[in-house]
Amino acid sequence: MSILWTIIIGFVAGVIAKLIMPGNKYEPSGFILTTILGIVGAVVATFLGQAIGWYGPNQGAGFIGAIVGAIVVLGIYGFIAGRTSSRTY
């Protein structure tokens, strides 16, 4: 149930992170990509929280932690996608 809860929280966190940080018009912003980035953000927040000691071994990131993780992952993705899409040949 823990991984399912992380996916659900990650989905919601990804949508909220996309509302907070929409990106530019050249960045792909589809529903599936937003969901995946939110889930990755929630997983990263859970992993880092457990590594730092904020969460126990079987605890996941909270809602705020998942949103922060999703914003960080979305920012990194926007930086990488912005660098690759702005090249002219």
N, C-alpha and C. Protein backbone atom coordinates (compact mmCIF):
# COMPACT_ATOMS: atom_id res chain seq x y z
N MET A 1 0.82 -1.20 0.00
CA MET A 1 0.00 0.00 0.00
C MET A 1 0.86 1.25 0.00
N SER A 2 2.08 1.15 0.51
CA SER A 2 2.95 2.31 0.61
C SER A 2 3.32 2.87 -0.76
N ILE A 3 3.66 2.00 -1.71
CA ILE A 3 4.05 2.48 -3.03
C ILE A 3 2.83 3.06 -3.77
N LEU A 4 1.66 2.48 -3.57
CA LEU A 4 0.45 3.01 -4.18
C LEU A 4 0.14 4.40 -3.63
N TRP A 5 0.32 4.59 -2.33
CA TRP A 5 0.09 5.89 -1.72
C TRP A 5 1.10 6.91 -2.25
N THR A 6 2.35 6.49 -2.45
CA THR A 6 3.38 7.38 -3.00
C THR A 6 3.00 7.81 -4.42
N ILE A 7 2.45 6.89 -5.21
CA ILE A 7 2.05 7.22 -6.58
C ILE A 7 0.89 8.21 -6.58
N ILE A 8 -0.08 7.99 -5.71
CA ILE A 8 -1.24 8.90 -5.66
C ILE A 8 -0.80 10.28 -5.19
N ILE A 9 -0.01 10.34 -4.13
CA ILE A 9 0.49 11.62 -3.64
C ILE A 9 1.38 12.28 -4.69
N GLY A 10 2.19 11.48 -5.37
CA GLY A 10 3.06 12.01 -6.43
C GLY A 10 2.27 12.60 -7.58
N PHE A 11 1.17 11.97 -7.94
CA PHE A 11 0.32 12.51 -9.00
C PHE A 11 -0.23 13.88 -8.62
N VAL A 12 -0.78 13.97 -7.44
CA VAL A 12 -1.35 15.24 -6.98
C VAL A 12 -0.24 16.28 -6.82
N ALA A 13 0.90 15.86 -6.29
CA ALA A 13 2.02 16.78 -6.11
C ALA A 13 2.53 17.27 -7.46
N GLY A 14 2.56 16.41 -8.47
CA GLY A 14 2.99 16.82 -9.80
C GLY A 14 2.07 17.86 -10.41
N VAL A 15 0.79 17.68 -10.23
CA VAL A 15 -0.17 18.67 -10.76
C VAL A 15 -0.01 20.00 -10.03
N ILE A 16 0.14 19.97 -8.73
CA ILE A 16 0.31 21.21 -7.96
C ILE A 16 1.64 21.87 -8.31
N ALA A 17 2.70 21.06 -8.46
CA ALA A 17 4.01 21.61 -8.83
C ALA A 17 3.96 22.26 -10.20
N LYS A 18 3.21 21.68 -11.12
CA LYS A 18 3.08 22.26 -12.46
C LYS A 18 2.30 23.57 -12.41
N LEU A 19 1.35 23.67 -11.50
CA LEU A 19 0.61 24.93 -11.34
C LEU A 19 1.51 26.01 -10.73
N ILE A 20 2.37 25.62 -9.81
CA ILE A 20 3.28 26.58 -9.17
C ILE A 20 4.38 27.00 -10.13
N MET A 21 4.89 26.05 -10.91
CA MET A 21 6.04 26.30 -11.77
C MET A 21 5.70 25.83 -13.19
N PRO A 22 4.95 26.62 -13.97
CA PRO A 22 4.45 26.14 -15.25
C PRO A 22 5.51 25.96 -16.34
N GLY A 23 6.62 26.65 -16.29
CA GLY A 23 7.65 26.51 -17.33
C GLY A 23 7.33 27.37 -18.54
N ASN A 24 8.19 27.26 -19.55
CA ASN A 24 7.97 28.06 -20.76
C ASN A 24 7.10 27.31 -21.75
N LYS A 25 6.78 27.96 -22.85
CA LYS A 25 5.85 27.35 -23.80
C LYS A 25 6.49 26.25 -24.64
N TYR A 26 7.80 26.14 -24.63
CA TYR A 26 8.47 25.10 -25.41
C TYR A 26 8.66 23.81 -24.62
N GLU A 27 8.44 23.86 -23.34
CA GLU A 27 8.61 22.69 -22.50
C GLU A 27 7.36 21.81 -22.61
N PRO A 28 7.55 20.51 -22.85
CA PRO A 28 6.38 19.64 -22.92
C PRO A 28 5.68 19.59 -21.57
N SER A 29 4.38 19.74 -21.58
CA SER A 29 3.67 19.81 -20.31
C SER A 29 2.42 18.94 -20.35
N GLY A 30 2.55 17.75 -20.87
CA GLY A 30 1.41 16.86 -20.95
C GLY A 30 1.04 16.26 -19.61
N PHE A 31 -0.12 15.69 -19.58
CA PHE A 31 -0.66 15.09 -18.37
C PHE A 31 0.21 13.94 -17.89
N ILE A 32 0.64 13.09 -18.80
CA ILE A 32 1.44 11.92 -18.42
C ILE A 32 2.80 12.36 -17.88
N LEU A 33 3.44 13.32 -18.56
CA LEU A 33 4.75 13.79 -18.11
C LEU A 33 4.66 14.45 -16.75
N THR A 34 3.64 15.23 -16.53
CA THR A 34 3.45 15.87 -15.23
C THR A 34 3.25 14.82 -14.14
N THR A 35 2.48 13.80 -14.44
CA THR A 35 2.25 12.73 -13.48
C THR A 35 3.55 11.99 -13.15
N ILE A 36 4.33 11.67 -14.19
CA ILE A 36 5.58 10.95 -13.97
C ILE A 36 6.56 11.79 -13.16
N LEU A 37 6.68 13.07 -13.49
CA LEU A 37 7.58 13.93 -12.73
C LEU A 37 7.13 14.09 -11.29
N GLY A 38 5.83 14.13 -11.05
CA GLY A 38 5.32 14.20 -9.68
C GLY A 38 5.61 12.94 -8.90
N ILE A 39 5.45 11.79 -9.54
CA ILE A 39 5.75 10.53 -8.87
C ILE A 39 7.24 10.42 -8.58
N VAL A 40 8.08 10.80 -9.54
CA VAL A 40 9.52 10.78 -9.32
C VAL A 40 9.89 11.73 -8.18
N GLY A 41 9.26 12.90 -8.14
CA GLY A 41 9.51 13.85 -7.06
C GLY A 41 9.13 13.30 -5.70
N ALA A 42 8.00 12.59 -5.63
CA ALA A 42 7.58 12.00 -4.36
C ALA A 42 8.54 10.88 -3.94
N VAL A 43 9.00 10.10 -4.91
CA VAL A 43 9.94 9.02 -4.59
C VAL A 43 11.27 9.61 -4.13
N VAL A 44 11.74 10.65 -4.83
CA VAL A 44 12.99 11.30 -4.44
C VAL A 44 12.87 11.91 -3.05
N ALA A 45 11.75 12.57 -2.77
CA ALA A 45 11.54 13.17 -1.45
C ALA A 45 11.51 12.08 -0.37
N THR A 46 10.89 10.95 -0.67
CA THR A 46 10.86 9.84 0.29
C THR A 46 12.26 9.31 0.53
N PHE A 47 13.01 9.08 -0.55
CA PHE A 47 14.36 8.55 -0.43
C PHE A 47 15.27 9.50 0.35
N LEU A 48 15.24 10.77 -0.01
CA LEU A 48 16.10 11.74 0.68
C LEU A 48 15.67 11.93 2.13
N GLY A 49 14.37 11.93 2.39
CA GLY A 49 13.88 12.05 3.76
C GLY A 49 14.30 10.88 4.63
N GLN A 50 14.28 9.68 4.06
CA GLN A 50 14.74 8.51 4.81
C GLN A 50 16.25 8.53 5.01
N ALA A 51 16.99 9.02 4.01
CA ALA A 51 18.45 9.08 4.12
C ALA A 51 18.88 10.10 5.17
N ILE A 52 18.17 11.22 5.24
CA ILE A 52 18.50 12.26 6.22
C ILE A 52 18.03 11.87 7.62
N GLY A 53 16.98 11.08 7.69
CA GLY A 53 16.46 10.66 8.98
C GLY A 53 15.15 11.31 9.34
N TRP A 54 14.53 12.03 8.40
CA TRP A 54 13.25 12.67 8.68
C TRP A 54 12.12 11.65 8.71
N TYR A 55 12.25 10.58 7.92
CA TYR A 55 11.21 9.55 7.85
C TYR A 55 11.82 8.22 8.26
N GLY A 56 10.97 7.35 8.80
CA GLY A 56 11.41 6.01 9.17
C GLY A 56 11.54 5.12 7.95
N PRO A 57 11.96 3.88 8.14
CA PRO A 57 12.17 2.98 7.00
C PRO A 57 10.91 2.69 6.19
N ASN A 58 9.77 2.67 6.80
CA ASN A 58 8.53 2.36 6.09
C ASN A 58 7.63 3.57 5.91
N GLN A 59 8.16 4.75 6.12
CA GLN A 59 7.36 5.97 5.96
C GLN A 59 7.67 6.61 4.62
N GLY A 60 6.66 7.21 4.03
CA GLY A 60 6.84 7.96 2.80
C GLY A 60 6.86 9.44 3.09
N ALA A 61 7.20 10.19 2.07
CA ALA A 61 7.20 11.65 2.21
C ALA A 61 5.76 12.13 2.40
N GLY A 62 5.61 13.16 3.16
CA GLY A 62 4.31 13.77 3.33
C GLY A 62 3.92 14.56 2.09
N PHE A 63 2.76 15.13 2.14
CA PHE A 63 2.23 15.85 0.99
C PHE A 63 3.11 17.04 0.63
N ILE A 64 3.52 17.82 1.61
CA ILE A 64 4.37 18.99 1.36
C ILE A 64 5.74 18.55 0.84
N GLY A 65 6.29 17.49 1.43
CA GLY A 65 7.57 16.97 0.96
C GLY A 65 7.50 16.49 -0.48
N ALA A 66 6.39 15.86 -0.84
CA ALA A 66 6.21 15.39 -2.21
C ALA A 66 6.09 16.56 -3.18
N ILE A 67 5.42 17.62 -2.77
CA ILE A 67 5.30 18.80 -3.64
C ILE A 67 6.67 19.44 -3.83
N VAL A 68 7.44 19.57 -2.76
CA VAL A 68 8.78 20.15 -2.87
C VAL A 68 9.66 19.27 -3.76
N GLY A 69 9.58 17.95 -3.57
CA GLY A 69 10.34 17.04 -4.42
C GLY A 69 9.94 17.14 -5.87
N ALA A 70 8.64 17.27 -6.14
CA ALA A 70 8.16 17.41 -7.51
C ALA A 70 8.61 18.72 -8.12
N ILE A 71 8.63 19.80 -7.34
CA ILE A 71 9.10 21.09 -7.86
C ILE A 71 10.59 21.00 -8.20
N VAL A 72 11.36 20.34 -7.35
CA VAL A 72 12.80 20.18 -7.62
C VAL A 72 13.02 19.37 -8.89
N VAL A 73 12.32 18.24 -9.02
CA VAL A 73 12.47 17.41 -10.22
C VAL A 73 11.98 18.16 -11.46
N LEU A 74 10.89 18.89 -11.34
CA LEU A 74 10.37 19.67 -12.46
C LEU A 74 11.35 20.77 -12.86
N GLY A 75 11.99 21.41 -11.88
CA GLY A 75 12.99 22.43 -12.18
C GLY A 75 14.20 21.84 -12.89
N ILE A 76 14.66 20.68 -12.42
CA ILE A 76 15.80 20.03 -13.07
C ILE A 76 15.42 19.61 -14.49
N TYR A 77 14.22 19.07 -14.65
CA TYR A 77 13.77 18.67 -15.99
C TYR A 77 13.65 19.88 -16.91
N GLY A 78 13.10 20.98 -16.39
CA GLY A 78 12.97 22.19 -17.20
C GLY A 78 14.32 22.75 -17.60
N PHE A 79 15.30 22.66 -16.71
CA PHE A 79 16.65 23.12 -17.03
C PHE A 79 17.27 22.26 -18.12
N ILE A 80 17.15 20.95 -17.98
CA ILE A 80 17.73 20.04 -18.99
C ILE A 80 16.98 20.15 -20.31
N ALA A 81 15.66 20.17 -20.26
CA ALA A 81 14.87 20.27 -21.49
C ALA A 81 15.07 21.61 -22.18
N GLY A 82 15.26 22.66 -21.39
CA GLY A 82 15.50 23.98 -21.95
C GLY A 82 16.82 24.08 -22.66
N ARG A 83 17.82 23.38 -22.13
CA ARG A 83 19.14 23.39 -22.74
C ARG A 83 19.15 22.61 -24.05
N THR A 84 18.42 21.51 -24.11
CA THR A 84 18.45 20.69 -25.32
C THR A 84 17.53 21.22 -26.39
N SER A 85 16.44 21.90 -26.03
CA SER A 85 15.50 22.38 -27.04
C SER A 85 15.89 23.74 -27.61
N SER A 86 16.82 24.44 -26.97
CA SER A 86 17.17 25.77 -27.46
C SER A 86 18.32 25.75 -28.46
N ARG A 87 18.85 24.58 -28.76
CA ARG A 87 19.93 24.49 -29.72
C ARG A 87 19.40 24.67 -31.13
N THR A 88 20.14 25.39 -31.92
CA THR A 88 19.80 25.55 -33.33
C THR A 88 20.87 24.89 -34.18
N TYR A 89 20.44 24.24 -35.23
CA TYR A 89 21.38 23.53 -36.08
C TYR A 89 21.49 24.21 -37.42
